[in-house]
Amino acid sequence: MKPYTELKRTHNCGELREENQGGNVCLNGWVNSYRNLGGLLFLDLRDRYGITQVVINPETFNHEMLAEATRTRSEFVVAVIGEVVAREEGSANANLATGKVELKAAEFYILSESKTPPFEITDETSAGETLRLEYRYLDLRRSPFQERLRFRHEITLAVRIYLSELEFYEIETPLLIKSTPEGARDYVVPSRVYNGRFYALPQSPQLFKQILMISGFDKYFQIARCLRDEDLRGDRQPEHTQIDMEMSFVTPDDVFTVIEDLVKHLYGKMLDVEVATPFPRYTYDEVMSRWGIDKPDLRFDMELVDLSSVVAGCDFKVFADNVASGGVVKGIVLPGGGSYSRKQVDELTELAKKFGAGGLAYVLRTESVDKSPILKFIGESVKDKLIETAQVGKGDALFIVSDKTGKTEEILGQLRIHLGKKHELIDKKQWKMLWVTEFPLFDYDEETDSFSAMHNIVSHPLEKDLSLIDEGFSSSLSGGDMNHPWRRALASQYDLVINGTEMASGGQRINRSDLQKKVLSILGIDDARAERMFGFLLRALEYGAPPHAGIAIGLDRLVTMMTGKTNIRDVIAFPKTANAASLMDGSPSAIDQEQLDELGLIIKKNREEDT
């Protein structure tokens, strides 16, 4: 065989056109398919650019090379030298960009053989995900995957160019950092030099990008790798990528403008979709009240309707007593749900119970009658008022939940999403972007009687709520009281939601060391522990920290949504399973005793069956 220097491709497999006819070229690629038709051998040669048909005439072909071509099978890597010719009349393939020409082979060489793949390398495959993850390098050869990774590359490149033009600097932050386990669990890395000490892998570049603001770099971004040791879902991985940004001397409005223009640019460039700006803004309280979730999907209606005033004092004690004790009664209207069968209602009731409801009341409207098991308790007048308030049309259904404020909305919010998907009410051609703002600064845990950060420890309180921080230290109210100052404090925190998915999260940051210490104290972190965990940040804040704000967009989620997929594994080259394992390379894996000794580690078995 010739040396490879003489067999390097002159063109890729998606490049040849009619204007290349008569030219001598060399193609390299994988054999996509192999056919013997009428004495002629046909190969479809594939690379990431496309497919070119190769034709070999046994009567005129070198016998040794013919033997090589004859034993070639799918996924062999080959080099073919020959003349570009037009396909015979009637044999053009309109589905291929190269479909009007073919390569008439003069020389054929096998560069690398392949075992029979465990599944076909085709656009559509019935192979299970476990098998495809084990042989990820084969799965990635399929054109849908290659197209999605190309799409991801184009988005990443567009982000870099766009932000650079706005005078943002791309600055890398460390991957080996100090462990500050206050959110998800850290992945930790033992130090060989300092036995018994550990680095952590970053859950985000948060503290370092704040320090960059203190350092005078007023516009920062990074395509940042982030790692979190947490339970996985379809939109979670142990390691993910985010478009991380921070800006100095700004307010949230400035962040909104940059992100809205960036999203508009990406959707226009990548999908030819015109995105209207500015995006609508809703407070956290508003979205929870209207849609029962902090990431509402606005591509369909079915807003929650407050029915508390209608049923207050009615004869149905489940409703009346709940309202009297400060609870709330709300409902959602399902268009066309009036025809629901008893079985469908029972199934929906069971689902509501799984979401935490004690039960599910309903009114089914047909053309001739309104049906409801609570009609005998509430009477016709209250029923008519419910229908009027909720605007329940003929043929529709009203589903009602009665519980304490907050829980009622969350239950109905989950039911709304379920019904929207089940009955295909979601307009999948739409793109609905919105901002959710003014989140609570703290969460309260009744079991531990303690506060935690709703988003993160560096979120700045709204200016109007700054006084509540100090008031809380002297308040006589318990943390469980909704009137406690810390329960009322709101954060200058915001989320970008696209089609019901949280796509980005950010906020105004605390830029004063004293305020940061107070927030840490509320979270149960005393001065000594704060110094041990966050001393480097607290010290930096003492040296002139500018007002600053930032945000991080989930790149994996964005690409997943824009390519019409539902699982981020479909847009990541080498993802982990739901158990955080890599089936391809076998990680996580045991390490040699020699490595353990060098690191000063002893493995403690958690279970007897561990080996």
Foldseek 3Di string as FASTA:
>chain_A
DDPCVVQDWPDEAQDDAPVQAFPKTKYKAWFQAWDQPPQKIWTWGDDLNFTAIEIERVVQEDPVQVVVNVPAGGGFIKMFIAGKHADDPPQFDPVGSHRGIHGHGHGMGGPGHDDDDPWRQEQDTPDDPLSCLQVLVSVCRRNVLSVLQVLLVVLVVLVVVLVVVVVADEDDDDQWADDDPFDADWDWAFDLVDFPDITTGAQDCVLVVLLVLLVPRFKYWYQDKHAGDDFDDQADFRIFTWTWIKGFPDAVVVVQVSVVVSVQVSCCVRVVDHDDDDAAEAAQVVCCQFQVDSFDFPLFHFTKFWCLVLCQPFQPCLNNVLVVVQATKIKTKAALCLPDDPVNLVVLQVLLVVLPAPGKWKWRAAPPDIDTPCCVRRDDVSVVVVCVRNVHDHSMMMIMTIDHPSSRSNSNNVSVVVSCVVVVRGDLVDKHKYKYFFAQQWDADPVVQAIGGPPDLFFAWDPVLPVLLVVQVVDPDGPVDCPRSSNPITTQKMFMHISRRGFKIKGWGDLALVSSQSSCVRRVQHPVNCCVNPVVSSVSSVSDRGGMMIMIGRSLVVSCSVSVHRGSVSSDSNGADSVNARSHVGPPDDDDPVVCVSSVHDDDDPDPPDD
